[in-house]
C-alpha atoms as a PDB file:
ATOM      1  CA  MET A   1     -54.491  27.395 -74.937  1.00  0.00           C
ATOM      2  CA  ILE A   2     -57.364  28.873 -76.889  1.00  0.00           C
ATOM      3  CA  VAL A   3     -56.080  31.159 -79.670  1.00  0.00           C
ATOM      4  CA  ASP A   4     -59.245  31.743 -81.734  1.00  0.00           C
ATOM      5  CA  TRP A   5     -62.837  31.312 -81.217  1.00  0.00           C
ATOM      6  CA  LYS A   6     -66.209  32.148 -82.650  1.00  0.00           C
ATOM      7  CA  PRO A   7     -68.771  31.188 -80.006  1.00  0.00           C
ATOM      8  CA  PHE A   8     -71.119  28.567 -80.816  1.00  0.00           C
ATOM      9  CA  ASP A   9     -69.183  27.886 -84.179  1.00  0.00           C
ATOM     10  CA  TYR A  10     -65.624  26.807 -83.543  1.00  0.00           C
ATOM     11  CA  PHE A  11     -62.448  27.337 -81.161  1.00  0.00           C
ATOM     12  CA  THR A  12     -58.883  26.843 -82.028  1.00  0.00           C
ATOM     13  CA  GLU A  13     -56.465  25.599 -79.175  1.00  0.00           C
ATOM     14  CA  GLN A  14     -52.539  25.532 -79.324  1.00  0.00           C
ATOM     15  CA  GLN A  15     -51.302  22.193 -78.153  1.00  0.00           C
ATOM     16  CA  THR A  16     -48.030  22.334 -76.194  1.00  0.00           C
ATOM     17  CA  GLY A  17     -46.359  19.503 -74.187  1.00  0.00           C
ATOM     18  CA  ILE A  18     -46.090  17.283 -77.210  1.00  0.00           C
ATOM     19  CA  PRO A  19     -42.870  15.127 -77.116  1.00  0.00           C
ATOM     20  CA  LEU A  20     -39.745  16.823 -78.359  1.00  0.00           C
ATOM     21  CA  LYS A  21     -41.251  20.450 -77.506  1.00  0.00           C
ATOM     22  CA  LEU A  22     -43.448  20.322 -80.642  1.00  0.00           C
ATOM     23  CA  THR A  23     -46.563  22.410 -81.105  1.00  0.00           C
ATOM     24  CA  GLY A  24     -49.675  21.675 -82.810  1.00  0.00           C
ATOM     25  CA  TYR A  25     -53.163  23.373 -83.268  1.00  0.00           C
ATOM     26  CA  ASN A  26     -56.574  21.939 -83.423  1.00  0.00           C
ATOM     27  CA  THR A  27     -59.889  23.416 -84.648  1.00  0.00           C
ATOM     28  CA  THR A  28     -63.028  22.131 -83.074  1.00  0.00           C
ATOM     29  CA  HIS A  29     -66.080  23.060 -85.191  1.00  0.00           C
ATOM     30  CA  LEU A  30     -69.574  22.893 -83.543  1.00  0.00           C
ATOM     31  CA  ALA A  31     -72.549  22.644 -86.129  1.00  0.00           C
ATOM     32  CA  PRO A  32     -76.585  22.472 -85.157  1.00  0.00           C
ATOM     33  CA  ILE A  33     -77.954  19.092 -86.480  1.00  0.00           C
ATOM     34  CA  PRO A  34     -81.457  17.882 -85.919  1.00  0.00           C
ATOM     35  CA  GLU A  35     -80.343  15.479 -83.161  1.00  0.00           C
ATOM     36  CA  GLY A  36     -78.116  17.968 -81.279  1.00  0.00           C
ATOM     37  CA  THR A  37     -74.591  19.296 -82.311  1.00  0.00           C
ATOM     38  CA  GLN A  38     -72.249  17.812 -84.752  1.00  0.00           C
ATOM     39  CA  VAL A  39     -68.466  18.065 -83.447  1.00  0.00           C
ATOM     40  CA  LYS A  40     -65.760  17.991 -86.052  1.00  0.00           C
ATOM     41  CA  MET A  41     -62.047  18.490 -85.066  1.00  0.00           C
ATOM     42  CA  VAL A  42     -59.279  19.583 -87.395  1.00  0.00           C
ATOM     43  CA  PHE A  43     -55.720  18.911 -86.468  1.00  0.00           C
ATOM     44  CA  SER A  44     -52.715  20.797 -88.137  1.00  0.00           C
ATOM     45  CA  GLY A  45     -49.331  19.357 -88.486  1.00  0.00           C
ATOM     46  CA  VAL A  46     -46.694  19.642 -85.631  1.00  0.00           C
ATOM     47  CA  THR A  47     -44.120  22.468 -85.772  1.00  0.00           C
ATOM     48  CA  SER A  48     -41.168  23.358 -83.675  1.00  0.00           C
ATOM     49  CA  SER A  49     -38.983  26.501 -83.239  1.00  0.00           C
ATOM     50  CA  SER A  50     -36.023  24.313 -83.939  1.00  0.00           C
ATOM     51  CA  ALA A  51     -35.321  23.598 -87.749  1.00  0.00           C
ATOM     52  CA  VAL A  52     -33.895  20.207 -86.714  1.00  0.00           C
ATOM     53  CA  LEU A  53     -36.939  19.099 -84.457  1.00  0.00           C
ATOM     54  CA  GLY A  54     -39.177  20.562 -87.273  1.00  0.00           C
ATOM     55  CA  PHE A  55     -37.500  18.134 -89.686  1.00  0.00           C
ATOM     56  CA  VAL A  56     -38.032  15.428 -87.297  1.00  0.00           C
ATOM     57  CA  ALA A  57     -41.612  16.314 -86.776  1.00  0.00           C
ATOM     58  CA  LYS A  58     -42.361  15.670 -90.607  1.00  0.00           C
ATOM     59  CA  PHE A  59     -41.390  11.948 -90.164  1.00  0.00           C
ATOM     60  CA  LEU A  60     -43.181  11.652 -86.615  1.00  0.00           C
ATOM     61  CA  ALA A  61     -46.323  13.398 -87.935  1.00  0.00           C
ATOM     62  CA  PRO A  62     -48.003  10.203 -89.037  1.00  0.00           C
ATOM     63  CA  ILE A  63     -47.322   8.512 -85.812  1.00  0.00           C
ATOM     64  CA  ILE A  64     -48.655  11.397 -83.629  1.00  0.00           C
ATOM     65  CA  ARG A  65     -51.684  11.799 -85.948  1.00  0.00           C
ATOM     66  CA  GLN A  66     -52.509   8.087 -85.433  1.00  0.00           C
ATOM     67  CA  LYS A  67     -52.053   8.429 -81.490  1.00  0.00           C
ATOM     68  CA  VAL A  68     -54.099  11.449 -81.357  1.00  0.00           C
ATOM     69  CA  ARG A  69     -56.989  10.153 -83.304  1.00  0.00           C
ATOM     70  CA  SER A  70     -56.915   6.850 -81.275  1.00  0.00           C
ATOM     71  CA  ASP A  71     -57.045   8.810 -77.888  1.00  0.00           C
ATOM     72  CA  TYR A  72     -60.037  10.986 -79.309  1.00  0.00           C
ATOM     73  CA  VAL A  73     -61.768   7.955 -80.791  1.00  0.00           C
ATOM     74  CA  LYS A  74     -61.753   6.388 -77.189  1.00  0.00           C
ATOM     75  CA  MET A  75     -62.615   9.600 -75.459  1.00  0.00           C
ATOM     76  CA  PHE A  76     -65.742  10.292 -77.643  1.00  0.00           C
ATOM     77  CA  ALA A  77     -66.679   6.491 -77.290  1.00  0.00           C
ATOM     78  CA  ARG A  78     -66.669   6.884 -73.488  1.00  0.00           C
ATOM     79  CA  LEU A  79     -68.570  10.166 -73.645  1.00  0.00           C
ATOM     80  CA  GLN A  80     -71.125   8.434 -75.650  1.00  0.00           C
ATOM     81  CA  GLU A  81     -71.454   5.661 -73.210  1.00  0.00           C
ATOM     82  CA  MET A  82     -71.847   8.216 -70.377  1.00  0.00           C
ATOM     83  CA  LEU A  83     -74.428  10.283 -72.152  1.00  0.00           C
ATOM     84  CA  GLU A  84     -76.558   7.206 -72.948  1.00  0.00           C
ATOM     85  CA  ARG A  85     -76.402   6.052 -69.278  1.00  0.00           C
ATOM     86  CA  ASP A  86     -76.973   9.868 -68.160  1.00  0.00           C
ATOM     87  CA  ASP A  87     -73.828   9.348 -66.375  1.00  0.00           C
ATOM     88  CA  VAL A  88     -72.065  12.674 -67.058  1.00  0.00           C
ATOM     89  CA  PRO A  89     -70.900  14.328 -63.896  1.00  0.00           C
ATOM     90  CA  LYS A  90     -72.785  17.706 -63.410  1.00  0.00           C
ATOM     91  CA  ALA A  91     -70.819  20.956 -62.816  1.00  0.00           C
ATOM     92  CA  ALA A  92     -72.347  21.237 -59.334  1.00  0.00           C
ATOM     93  CA  ASP A  93     -71.022  17.720 -58.695  1.00  0.00           C
ATOM     94  CA  SER A  94     -67.415  18.704 -59.012  1.00  0.00           C
ATOM     95  CA  VAL A  95     -67.760  21.937 -56.851  1.00  0.00           C
ATOM     96  CA  LYS A  96     -66.482  21.313 -53.293  1.00  0.00           C
ATOM     97  CA  ALA A  97     -68.204  23.121 -50.586  1.00  0.00           C
END
């Protein structure tokens, strides 16, 4: 769920559905550069409404961080491959008549 945004600058999402009912936030910053747009993602630590799970989350944070980082590296590599092949689905391609 998007909780904060400034169009063409950044947006912040609340991430739910993390194991153990943890919650995290990530902010995606967009910056114009000569080649196009630079994307920078910043992730907060995970939190919980439960004191016990919040304590456990502090120990799980490095594992979660590594997994999220790995997933995003793969996602951006795949996106770059698609852009280089001009194989990115167009919005009209996904609309069913």
